[in-house]
Amino acid sequence: SHASLLRSRLGYHGAIRAVGDVLIDQI
């Protein structure tokens, strides 16, 4: 939801990274 908000609503065009418990099926 944070990523979607940053891109769609806030118009952020910079880099976004997922950190933590990242599993292959989520990527």
mmCIF file of all heavy atoms, coordinates in Angstrom:
data_MODEL
# 
_entry.id   MODEL 
# 
loop_
_atom_site.group_PDB 
_atom_site.id 
_atom_site.type_symbol 
_atom_site.label_atom_id 
_atom_site.label_alt_id 
_atom_site.label_comp_id 
_atom_site.label_asym_id 
_atom_site.label_entity_id 
_atom_site.label_seq_id 
_atom_site.pdbx_PDB_ins_code 
_atom_site.Cartn_x 
_atom_site.Cartn_y 
_atom_site.Cartn_z 
_atom_site.occupancy 
_atom_site.B_iso_or_equiv 
_atom_site.pdbx_formal_charge 
_atom_site.auth_seq_id 
_atom_site.auth_comp_id 
_atom_site.auth_asym_id 
_atom_site.auth_atom_id 
_atom_site.pdbx_PDB_model_num 
ATOM 1   N N   . SER A 1 1  ? 0.833  -1.209  0.000   1.00 0.00 ? 1  SER A N   1 
ATOM 2   C CA  . SER A 1 1  ? 0.000  0.000   0.000   1.00 0.00 ? 1  SER A CA  1 
ATOM 3   C C   . SER A 1 1  ? 0.862  1.251   0.000   1.00 0.00 ? 1  SER A C   1 
ATOM 4   O O   . SER A 1 1  ? 0.553  2.230   -0.695  1.00 0.00 ? 1  SER A O   1 
ATOM 5   C CB  . SER A 1 1  ? -0.923 0.013   1.219   1.00 0.00 ? 1  SER A CB  1 
ATOM 6   O OG  . SER A 1 1  ? -1.791 -1.093  1.191   1.00 0.00 ? 1  SER A OG  1 
ATOM 7   N N   . HIS A 1 2  ? 1.948  1.237   0.775   1.00 0.00 ? 2  HIS A N   1 
ATOM 8   C CA  . HIS A 1 2  ? 2.858  2.385   0.797   1.00 0.00 ? 2  HIS A CA  1 
ATOM 9   C C   . HIS A 1 2  ? 3.442  2.637   -0.593  1.00 0.00 ? 2  HIS A C   1 
ATOM 10  O O   . HIS A 1 2  ? 3.490  3.784   -1.052  1.00 0.00 ? 2  HIS A O   1 
ATOM 11  C CB  . HIS A 1 2  ? 3.990  2.165   1.796   1.00 0.00 ? 2  HIS A CB  1 
ATOM 12  C CG  . HIS A 1 2  ? 3.582  2.201   3.234   1.00 0.00 ? 2  HIS A CG  1 
ATOM 13  N ND1 . HIS A 1 2  ? 2.600  3.015   3.736   1.00 0.00 ? 2  HIS A ND1 1 
ATOM 14  C CD2 . HIS A 1 2  ? 4.056  1.511   4.305   1.00 0.00 ? 2  HIS A CD2 1 
ATOM 15  C CE1 . HIS A 1 2  ? 2.470  2.837   5.027   1.00 0.00 ? 2  HIS A CE1 1 
ATOM 16  N NE2 . HIS A 1 2  ? 3.344  1.922   5.407   1.00 0.00 ? 2  HIS A NE2 1 
ATOM 17  N N   . ALA A 1 3  ? 3.883  1.589   -1.279  1.00 0.00 ? 3  ALA A N   1 
ATOM 18  C CA  . ALA A 1 3  ? 4.462  1.745   -2.616  1.00 0.00 ? 3  ALA A CA  1 
ATOM 19  C C   . ALA A 1 3  ? 3.430  2.306   -3.591  1.00 0.00 ? 3  ALA A C   1 
ATOM 20  O O   . ALA A 1 3  ? 3.721  3.224   -4.365  1.00 0.00 ? 3  ALA A O   1 
ATOM 21  C CB  . ALA A 1 3  ? 4.995  0.413   -3.121  1.00 0.00 ? 3  ALA A CB  1 
ATOM 22  N N   . SER A 1 4  ? 2.226  1.768   -3.538  1.00 0.00 ? 4  SER A N   1 
ATOM 23  C CA  . SER A 1 4  ? 1.168  2.232   -4.420  1.00 0.00 ? 4  SER A CA  1 
ATOM 24  C C   . SER A 1 4  ? 0.822  3.699   -4.159  1.00 0.00 ? 4  SER A C   1 
ATOM 25  O O   . SER A 1 4  ? 0.650  4.484   -5.092  1.00 0.00 ? 4  SER A O   1 
ATOM 26  C CB  . SER A 1 4  ? -0.063 1.350   -4.240  1.00 0.00 ? 4  SER A CB  1 
ATOM 27  O OG  . SER A 1 4  ? -1.058 1.707   -5.155  1.00 0.00 ? 4  SER A OG  1 
ATOM 28  N N   . LEU A 1 5  ? 0.746  4.067   -2.890  1.00 0.00 ? 5  LEU A N   1 
ATOM 29  C CA  . LEU A 1 5  ? 0.487  5.468   -2.532  1.00 0.00 ? 5  LEU A CA  1 
ATOM 30  C C   . LEU A 1 5  ? 1.591  6.387   -3.038  1.00 0.00 ? 5  LEU A C   1 
ATOM 31  O O   . LEU A 1 5  ? 1.314  7.460   -3.588  1.00 0.00 ? 5  LEU A O   1 
ATOM 32  C CB  . LEU A 1 5  ? 0.414  5.611   -1.009  1.00 0.00 ? 5  LEU A CB  1 
ATOM 33  C CG  . LEU A 1 5  ? -0.948 5.679   -0.366  1.00 0.00 ? 5  LEU A CG  1 
ATOM 34  C CD1 . LEU A 1 5  ? -0.825 5.567   1.145   1.00 0.00 ? 5  LEU A CD1 1 
ATOM 35  C CD2 . LEU A 1 5  ? -1.661 6.938   -0.742  1.00 0.00 ? 5  LEU A CD2 1 
ATOM 36  N N   . LEU A 1 6  ? 2.832  5.998   -2.832  1.00 0.00 ? 6  LEU A N   1 
ATOM 37  C CA  . LEU A 1 6  ? 3.951  6.822   -3.274  1.00 0.00 ? 6  LEU A CA  1 
ATOM 38  C C   . LEU A 1 6  ? 3.911  7.045   -4.781  1.00 0.00 ? 6  LEU A C   1 
ATOM 39  O O   . LEU A 1 6  ? 4.109  8.171   -5.253  1.00 0.00 ? 6  LEU A O   1 
ATOM 40  C CB  . LEU A 1 6  ? 5.285  6.173   -2.885  1.00 0.00 ? 6  LEU A CB  1 
ATOM 41  C CG  . LEU A 1 6  ? 5.687  6.320   -1.432  1.00 0.00 ? 6  LEU A CG  1 
ATOM 42  C CD1 . LEU A 1 6  ? 6.776  5.318   -1.065  1.00 0.00 ? 6  LEU A CD1 1 
ATOM 43  C CD2 . LEU A 1 6  ? 6.161  7.750   -1.159  1.00 0.00 ? 6  LEU A CD2 1 
ATOM 44  N N   . ARG A 1 7  ? 3.659  6.001   -5.530  1.00 0.00 ? 7  ARG A N   1 
ATOM 45  C CA  . ARG A 1 7  ? 3.664  6.111   -6.999  1.00 0.00 ? 7  ARG A CA  1 
ATOM 46  C C   . ARG A 1 7  ? 2.409  6.785   -7.536  1.00 0.00 ? 7  ARG A C   1 
ATOM 47  O O   . ARG A 1 7  ? 2.487  7.744   -8.298  1.00 0.00 ? 7  ARG A O   1 
ATOM 48  C CB  . ARG A 1 7  ? 3.792  4.726   -7.640  1.00 0.00 ? 7  ARG A CB  1 
ATOM 49  C CG  . ARG A 1 7  ? 5.098  4.047   -7.368  1.00 0.00 ? 7  ARG A CG  1 
ATOM 50  C CD  . ARG A 1 7  ? 6.232  4.669   -8.141  1.00 0.00 ? 7  ARG A CD  1 
ATOM 51  N NE  . ARG A 1 7  ? 7.405  3.812   -8.041  1.00 0.00 ? 7  ARG A NE  1 
ATOM 52  C CZ  . ARG A 1 7  ? 8.632  4.265   -7.944  1.00 0.00 ? 7  ARG A CZ  1 
ATOM 53  N NH1 . ARG A 1 7  ? 8.876  5.548   -7.949  1.00 0.00 ? 7  ARG A NH1 1 
ATOM 54  N NH2 . ARG A 1 7  ? 9.640  3.432   -7.852  1.00 0.00 ? 7  ARG A NH2 1 
ATOM 55  N N   . SER A 1 8  ? 1.248  6.284   -7.140  1.00 0.00 ? 8  SER A N   1 
ATOM 56  C CA  . SER A 1 8  ? -0.001 6.730   -7.749  1.00 0.00 ? 8  SER A CA  1 
ATOM 57  C C   . SER A 1 8  ? -0.505 8.068   -7.223  1.00 0.00 ? 8  SER A C   1 
ATOM 58  O O   . SER A 1 8  ? -0.870 8.939   -7.994  1.00 0.00 ? 8  SER A O   1 
ATOM 59  C CB  . SER A 1 8  ? -1.088 5.676   -7.548  1.00 0.00 ? 8  SER A CB  1 
ATOM 60  O OG  . SER A 1 8  ? -0.692 4.465   -8.113  1.00 0.00 ? 8  SER A OG  1 
ATOM 61  N N   . ARG A 1 9  ? -0.556 8.224   -5.917  1.00 0.00 ? 9  ARG A N   1 
ATOM 62  C CA  . ARG A 1 9  ? -1.127 9.434   -5.342  1.00 0.00 ? 9  ARG A CA  1 
ATOM 63  C C   . ARG A 1 9  ? -0.127 10.559  -5.151  1.00 0.00 ? 9  ARG A C   1 
ATOM 64  O O   . ARG A 1 9  ? -0.433 11.715  -5.402  1.00 0.00 ? 9  ARG A O   1 
ATOM 65  C CB  . ARG A 1 9  ? -1.767 9.122   -4.001  1.00 0.00 ? 9  ARG A CB  1 
ATOM 66  C CG  . ARG A 1 9  ? -3.262 9.254   -4.088  1.00 0.00 ? 9  ARG A CG  1 
ATOM 67  C CD  . ARG A 1 9  ? -3.903 9.090   -2.768  1.00 0.00 ? 9  ARG A CD  1 
ATOM 68  N NE  . ARG A 1 9  ? -4.729 7.899   -2.848  1.00 0.00 ? 9  ARG A NE  1 
ATOM 69  C CZ  . ARG A 1 9  ? -5.283 7.333   -1.834  1.00 0.00 ? 9  ARG A CZ  1 
ATOM 70  N NH1 . ARG A 1 9  ? -5.096 7.808   -0.629  1.00 0.00 ? 9  ARG A NH1 1 
ATOM 71  N NH2 . ARG A 1 9  ? -6.027 6.276   -1.993  1.00 0.00 ? 9  ARG A NH2 1 
ATOM 72  N N   . LEU A 1 10 ? 1.079  10.206  -4.693  1.00 0.00 ? 10 LEU A N   1 
ATOM 73  C CA  . LEU A 1 10 ? 2.065  11.247  -4.403  1.00 0.00 ? 10 LEU A CA  1 
ATOM 74  C C   . LEU A 1 10 ? 2.947  11.564  -5.611  1.00 0.00 ? 10 LEU A C   1 
ATOM 75  O O   . LEU A 1 10 ? 3.654  12.564  -5.606  1.00 0.00 ? 10 LEU A O   1 
ATOM 76  C CB  . LEU A 1 10 ? 2.932  10.832  -3.209  1.00 0.00 ? 10 LEU A CB  1 
ATOM 77  C CG  . LEU A 1 10 ? 2.178  10.602  -1.898  1.00 0.00 ? 10 LEU A CG  1 
ATOM 78  C CD1 . LEU A 1 10 ? 3.125  10.173  -0.794  1.00 0.00 ? 10 LEU A CD1 1 
ATOM 79  C CD2 . LEU A 1 10 ? 1.414  11.852  -1.489  1.00 0.00 ? 10 LEU A CD2 1 
ATOM 80  N N   . GLY A 1 11 ? 2.939  10.716  -6.622  1.00 0.00 ? 11 GLY A N   1 
ATOM 81  C CA  . GLY A 1 11 ? 3.712  10.977  -7.835  1.00 0.00 ? 11 GLY A CA  1 
ATOM 82  C C   . GLY A 1 11 ? 5.213  10.849  -7.655  1.00 0.00 ? 11 GLY A C   1 
ATOM 83  O O   . GLY A 1 11 ? 5.979  11.476  -8.376  1.00 0.00 ? 11 GLY A O   1 
ATOM 84  N N   . TYR A 1 12 ? 5.644  10.020  -6.714  1.00 0.00 ? 12 TYR A N   1 
ATOM 85  C CA  . TYR A 1 12 ? 7.079  9.831   -6.476  1.00 0.00 ? 12 TYR A CA  1 
ATOM 86  C C   . TYR A 1 12 ? 7.667  8.986   -7.604  1.00 0.00 ? 12 TYR A C   1 
ATOM 87  O O   . TYR A 1 12 ? 7.175  7.912   -7.917  1.00 0.00 ? 12 TYR A O   1 
ATOM 88  C CB  . TYR A 1 12 ? 7.293  9.153   -5.121  1.00 0.00 ? 12 TYR A CB  1 
ATOM 89  C CG  . TYR A 1 12 ? 8.735  8.854   -4.801  1.00 0.00 ? 12 TYR A CG  1 
ATOM 90  C CD1 . TYR A 1 12 ? 9.642  9.888   -4.600  1.00 0.00 ? 12 TYR A CD1 1 
ATOM 91  C CD2 . TYR A 1 12 ? 9.198  7.551   -4.713  1.00 0.00 ? 12 TYR A CD2 1 
ATOM 92  C CE1 . TYR A 1 12 ? 10.969 9.621   -4.302  1.00 0.00 ? 12 TYR A CE1 1 
ATOM 93  C CE2 . TYR A 1 12 ? 10.522 7.278   -4.416  1.00 0.00 ? 12 TYR A CE2 1 
ATOM 94  C CZ  . TYR A 1 12 ? 11.403 8.316   -4.217  1.00 0.00 ? 12 TYR A CZ  1 
ATOM 95  O OH  . TYR A 1 12 ? 12.717 8.059   -3.931  1.00 0.00 ? 12 TYR A OH  1 
ATOM 96  N N   . HIS A 1 13 ? 8.748  9.487   -8.222  1.00 0.00 ? 13 HIS A N   1 
ATOM 97  C CA  . HIS A 1 13 ? 9.378  8.796   -9.343  1.00 0.00 ? 13 HIS A CA  1 
ATOM 98  C C   . HIS A 1 13 ? 10.746 8.229   -8.998  1.00 0.00 ? 13 HIS A C   1 
ATOM 99  O O   . HIS A 1 13 ? 11.397 7.637   -9.851  1.00 0.00 ? 13 HIS A O   1 
ATOM 100 C CB  . HIS A 1 13 ? 9.509  9.737   -10.538 1.00 0.00 ? 13 HIS A CB  1 
ATOM 101 C CG  . HIS A 1 13 ? 8.189  10.213  -11.054 1.00 0.00 ? 13 HIS A CG  1 
ATOM 102 N ND1 . HIS A 1 13 ? 7.310  9.393   -11.715 1.00 0.00 ? 13 HIS A ND1 1 
ATOM 103 C CD2 . HIS A 1 13 ? 7.582  11.424  -10.979 1.00 0.00 ? 13 HIS A CD2 1 
ATOM 104 C CE1 . HIS A 1 13 ? 6.231  10.069  -12.034 1.00 0.00 ? 13 HIS A CE1 1 
ATOM 105 N NE2 . HIS A 1 13 ? 6.356  11.302  -11.593 1.00 0.00 ? 13 HIS A NE2 1 
ATOM 106 N N   . GLY A 1 14 ? 11.183 8.395   -7.753  1.00 0.00 ? 14 GLY A N   1 
ATOM 107 C CA  . GLY A 1 14 ? 12.493 7.900   -7.333  1.00 0.00 ? 14 GLY A CA  1 
ATOM 108 C C   . GLY A 1 14 ? 12.470 6.411   -7.041  1.00 0.00 ? 14 GLY A C   1 
ATOM 109 O O   . GLY A 1 14 ? 11.501 5.706   -7.316  1.00 0.00 ? 14 GLY A O   1 
ATOM 110 N N   . ALA A 1 15 ? 13.555 5.931   -6.454  1.00 0.00 ? 15 ALA A N   1 
ATOM 111 C CA  . ALA A 1 15 ? 13.726 4.510   -6.170  1.00 0.00 ? 15 ALA A CA  1 
ATOM 112 C C   . ALA A 1 15 ? 12.951 4.085   -4.928  1.00 0.00 ? 15 ALA A C   1 
ATOM 113 O O   . ALA A 1 15 ? 12.948 4.786   -3.915  1.00 0.00 ? 15 ALA A O   1 
ATOM 114 C CB  . ALA A 1 15 ? 15.205 4.197   -5.987  1.00 0.00 ? 15 ALA A CB  1 
ATOM 115 N N   . ILE A 1 16 ? 12.320 2.915   -5.028  1.00 0.00 ? 16 ILE A N   1 
ATOM 116 C CA  . ILE A 1 16 ? 11.628 2.297   -3.896  1.00 0.00 ? 16 ILE A CA  1 
ATOM 117 C C   . ILE A 1 16 ? 12.156 0.872   -3.758  1.00 0.00 ? 16 ILE A C   1 
ATOM 118 O O   . ILE A 1 16 ? 12.218 0.138   -4.733  1.00 0.00 ? 16 ILE A O   1 
ATOM 119 C CB  . ILE A 1 16 ? 10.095 2.264   -4.084  1.00 0.00 ? 16 ILE A CB  1 
ATOM 120 C CG1 . ILE A 1 16 ? 9.534  3.680   -4.232  1.00 0.00 ? 16 ILE A CG1 1 
ATOM 121 C CG2 . ILE A 1 16 ? 9.433  1.549   -2.913  1.00 0.00 ? 16 ILE A CG2 1 
ATOM 122 C CD1 . ILE A 1 16 ? 8.036  3.716   -4.500  1.00 0.00 ? 16 ILE A CD1 1 
ATOM 123 N N   . ARG A 1 17 ? 12.528 0.510   -2.532  1.00 0.00 ? 17 ARG A N   1 
ATOM 124 C CA  . ARG A 1 17 ? 13.089 -0.818  -2.264  1.00 0.00 ? 17 ARG A CA  1 
ATOM 125 C C   . ARG A 1 17 ? 12.296 -1.512  -1.163  1.00 0.00 ? 17 ARG A C   1 
ATOM 126 O O   . ARG A 1 17 ? 11.920 -0.902  -0.173  1.00 0.00 ? 17 ARG A O   1 
ATOM 127 C CB  . ARG A 1 17 ? 14.544 -0.684  -1.826  1.00 0.00 ? 17 ARG A CB  1 
ATOM 128 C CG  . ARG A 1 17 ? 15.154 -2.019  -1.395  1.00 0.00 ? 17 ARG A CG  1 
ATOM 129 C CD  . ARG A 1 17 ? 16.625 -1.900  -1.108  1.00 0.00 ? 17 ARG A CD  1 
ATOM 130 N NE  . ARG A 1 17 ? 17.295 -1.466  -2.328  1.00 0.00 ? 17 ARG A NE  1 
ATOM 131 C CZ  . ARG A 1 17 ? 18.509 -0.941  -2.338  1.00 0.00 ? 17 ARG A CZ  1 
ATOM 132 N NH1 . ARG A 1 17 ? 19.174 -0.767  -1.230  1.00 0.00 ? 17 ARG A NH1 1 
ATOM 133 N NH2 . ARG A 1 17 ? 19.058 -0.580  -3.473  1.00 0.00 ? 17 ARG A NH2 1 
ATOM 134 N N   . ALA A 1 18 ? 12.065 -2.795  -1.329  1.00 0.00 ? 18 ALA A N   1 
ATOM 135 C CA  . ALA A 1 18 ? 11.465 -3.623  -0.278  1.00 0.00 ? 18 ALA A CA  1 
ATOM 136 C C   . ALA A 1 18 ? 12.598 -4.235  0.541   1.00 0.00 ? 18 ALA A C   1 
ATOM 137 O O   . ALA A 1 18 ? 13.555 -4.758  -0.016  1.00 0.00 ? 18 ALA A O   1 
ATOM 138 C CB  . ALA A 1 18 ? 10.614 -4.723  -0.891  1.00 0.00 ? 18 ALA A CB  1 
ATOM 139 N N   . VAL A 1 19 ? 12.484 -4.141  1.855   1.00 0.00 ? 19 VAL A N   1 
ATOM 140 C CA  . VAL A 1 19 ? 13.482 -4.730  2.758   1.00 0.00 ? 19 VAL A CA  1 
ATOM 141 C C   . VAL A 1 19 ? 12.753 -5.560  3.808   1.00 0.00 ? 19 VAL A C   1 
ATOM 142 O O   . VAL A 1 19 ? 11.609 -5.306  4.128   1.00 0.00 ? 19 VAL A O   1 
ATOM 143 C CB  . VAL A 1 19 ? 14.366 -3.651  3.439   1.00 0.00 ? 19 VAL A CB  1 
ATOM 144 C CG1 . VAL A 1 19 ? 15.133 -2.846  2.420   1.00 0.00 ? 19 VAL A CG1 1 
ATOM 145 C CG2 . VAL A 1 19 ? 13.536 -2.724  4.322   1.00 0.00 ? 19 VAL A CG2 1 
ATOM 146 N N   . GLY A 1 20 ? 13.443 -6.565  4.341   1.00 0.00 ? 20 GLY A N   1 
ATOM 147 C CA  . GLY A 1 20 ? 12.839 -7.386  5.387   1.00 0.00 ? 20 GLY A CA  1 
ATOM 148 C C   . GLY A 1 20 ? 12.574 -8.794  4.908   1.00 0.00 ? 20 GLY A C   1 
ATOM 149 O O   . GLY A 1 20 ? 13.382 -9.379  4.188   1.00 0.00 ? 20 GLY A O   1 
ATOM 150 N N   . ASP A 1 21 ? 11.421 -9.323  5.269   1.00 0.00 ? 21 ASP A N   1 
ATOM 151 C CA  . ASP A 1 21 ? 11.055 -10.701 4.958   1.00 0.00 ? 21 ASP A CA  1 
ATOM 152 C C   . ASP A 1 21 ? 10.446 -10.775 3.558   1.00 0.00 ? 21 ASP A C   1 
ATOM 153 O O   . ASP A 1 21 ? 9.239  -10.904 3.392   1.00 0.00 ? 21 ASP A O   1 
ATOM 154 C CB  . ASP A 1 21 ? 10.079 -11.226 6.012   1.00 0.00 ? 21 ASP A CB  1 
ATOM 155 C CG  . ASP A 1 21 ? 9.863  -12.721 5.929   1.00 0.00 ? 21 ASP A CG  1 
ATOM 156 O OD1 . ASP A 1 21 ? 10.661 -13.404 5.250   1.00 0.00 ? 21 ASP A OD1 1 
ATOM 157 O OD2 . ASP A 1 21 ? 8.902  -13.214 6.531   1.00 0.00 ? 21 ASP A OD2 1 
ATOM 158 N N   . VAL A 1 22 ? 11.303 -10.695 2.542   1.00 0.00 ? 22 VAL A N   1 
ATOM 159 C CA  . VAL A 1 22 ? 10.862 -10.705 1.146   1.00 0.00 ? 22 VAL A CA  1 
ATOM 160 C C   . VAL A 1 22 ? 10.968 -12.124 0.606   1.00 0.00 ? 22 VAL A C   1 
ATOM 161 O O   . VAL A 1 22 ? 12.046 -12.713 0.602   1.00 0.00 ? 22 VAL A O   1 
ATOM 162 C CB  . VAL A 1 22 ? 11.727 -9.746  0.296   1.00 0.00 ? 22 VAL A CB  1 
ATOM 163 C CG1 . VAL A 1 22 ? 11.338 -9.836  -1.165  1.00 0.00 ? 22 VAL A CG1 1 
ATOM 164 C CG2 . VAL A 1 22 ? 11.593 -8.320  0.807   1.00 0.00 ? 22 VAL A CG2 1 
ATOM 165 N N   . LEU A 1 23 ? 9.841  -12.662 0.151   1.00 0.00 ? 23 LEU A N   1 
ATOM 166 C CA  . LEU A 1 23 ? 9.800  -14.015 -0.401  1.00 0.00 ? 23 LEU A CA  1 
ATOM 167 C C   . LEU A 1 23 ? 9.642  -13.951 -1.914  1.00 0.00 ? 23 LEU A C   1 
ATOM 168 O O   . LEU A 1 23 ? 9.120  -12.974 -2.463  1.00 0.00 ? 23 LEU A O   1 
ATOM 169 C CB  . LEU A 1 23 ? 8.646  -14.803 0.224   1.00 0.00 ? 23 LEU A CB  1 
ATOM 170 C CG  . LEU A 1 23 ? 8.686  -14.943 1.743   1.00 0.00 ? 23 LEU A CG  1 
ATOM 171 C CD1 . LEU A 1 23 ? 7.474  -15.702 2.244   1.00 0.00 ? 23 LEU A CD1 1 
ATOM 172 C CD2 . LEU A 1 23 ? 9.975  -15.605 2.207   1.00 0.00 ? 23 LEU A CD2 1 
ATOM 173 N N   . ILE A 1 24 ? 10.054 -15.004 -2.590  1.00 0.00 ? 24 ILE A N   1 
ATOM 174 C CA  . ILE A 1 24 ? 10.072 -15.019 -4.053  1.00 0.00 ? 24 ILE A CA  1 
ATOM 175 C C   . ILE A 1 24 ? 8.704  -14.772 -4.668  1.00 0.00 ? 24 ILE A C   1 
ATOM 176 O O   . ILE A 1 24 ? 8.581  -14.061 -5.672  1.00 0.00 ? 24 ILE A O   1 
ATOM 177 C CB  . ILE A 1 24 ? 10.712 -16.325 -4.598  1.00 0.00 ? 24 ILE A CB  1 
ATOM 178 C CG1 . ILE A 1 24 ? 10.938 -16.230 -6.109  1.00 0.00 ? 24 ILE A CG1 1 
ATOM 179 C CG2 . ILE A 1 24 ? 9.879  -17.545 -4.251  1.00 0.00 ? 24 ILE A CG2 1 
ATOM 180 C CD1 . ILE A 1 24 ? 11.982 -15.244 -6.518  1.00 0.00 ? 24 ILE A CD1 1 
ATOM 181 N N   . ASP A 1 25 ? 7.642  -15.324 -4.091  1.00 0.00 ? 25 ASP A N   1 
ATOM 182 C CA  . ASP A 1 25 ? 6.327  -15.160 -4.704  1.00 0.00 ? 25 ASP A CA  1 
ATOM 183 C C   . ASP A 1 25 ? 5.753  -13.757 -4.540  1.00 0.00 ? 25 ASP A C   1 
ATOM 184 O O   . ASP A 1 25 ? 4.805  -13.386 -5.215  1.00 0.00 ? 25 ASP A O   1 
ATOM 185 C CB  . ASP A 1 25 ? 5.342  -16.215 -4.200  1.00 0.00 ? 25 ASP A CB  1 
ATOM 186 C CG  . ASP A 1 25 ? 5.191  -16.232 -2.702  1.00 0.00 ? 25 ASP A CG  1 
ATOM 187 O OD1 . ASP A 1 25 ? 6.081  -15.707 -2.007  1.00 0.00 ? 25 ASP A OD1 1 
ATOM 188 O OD2 . ASP A 1 25 ? 4.196  -16.800 -2.218  1.00 0.00 ? 25 ASP A OD2 1 
ATOM 189 N N   . GLN A 1 26 ? 6.337  -12.944 -3.665  1.00 0.00 ? 26 GLN A N   1 
ATOM 190 C CA  . GLN A 1 26 ? 5.881  -11.567 -3.485  1.00 0.00 ? 26 GLN A CA  1 
ATOM 191 C C   . GLN A 1 26 ? 6.523  -10.605 -4.485  1.00 0.00 ? 26 GLN A C   1 
ATOM 192 O O   . GLN A 1 26 ? 5.975  -9.547  -4.762  1.00 0.00 ? 26 GLN A O   1 
ATOM 193 C CB  . GLN A 1 26 ? 6.223  -11.072 -2.075  1.00 0.00 ? 26 GLN A CB  1 
ATOM 194 C CG  . GLN A 1 26 ? 5.543  -11.820 -0.970  1.00 0.00 ? 26 GLN A CG  1 
ATOM 195 C CD  . GLN A 1 26 ? 6.101  -11.421 0.380   1.00 0.00 ? 26 GLN A CD  1 
ATOM 196 O OE1 . GLN A 1 26 ? 7.323  -11.357 0.563   1.00 0.00 ? 26 GLN A OE1 1 
ATOM 197 N NE2 . GLN A 1 26 ? 5.219  -11.148 1.319   1.00 0.00 ? 26 GLN A NE2 1 
ATOM 198 N N   . ILE A 1 27 ? 7.675  -10.954 -5.012  1.00 0.00 ? 27 ILE A N   1 
ATOM 199 C CA  . ILE A 1 27 ? 8.456  -10.017 -5.825  1.00 0.00 ? 27 ILE A CA  1 
ATOM 200 C C   . ILE A 1 27 ? 7.710  -9.536  -7.074  1.00 0.00 ? 27 ILE A C   1 
ATOM 201 O O   . ILE A 1 27 ? 7.689  -8.328  -7.344  1.00 0.00 ? 27 ILE A O   1 
ATOM 202 C CB  . ILE A 1 27 ? 9.851  -10.588 -6.136  1.00 0.00 ? 27 ILE A CB  1 
ATOM 203 C CG1 . ILE A 1 27 ? 10.646 -10.694 -4.820  1.00 0.00 ? 27 ILE A CG1 1 
ATOM 204 C CG2 . ILE A 1 27 ? 10.592 -9.720  -7.151  1.00 0.00 ? 27 ILE A CG2 1 
ATOM 205 C CD1 . ILE A 1 27 ? 11.983 -11.388 -4.926  1.00 0.00 ? 27 ILE A CD1 1 
# 
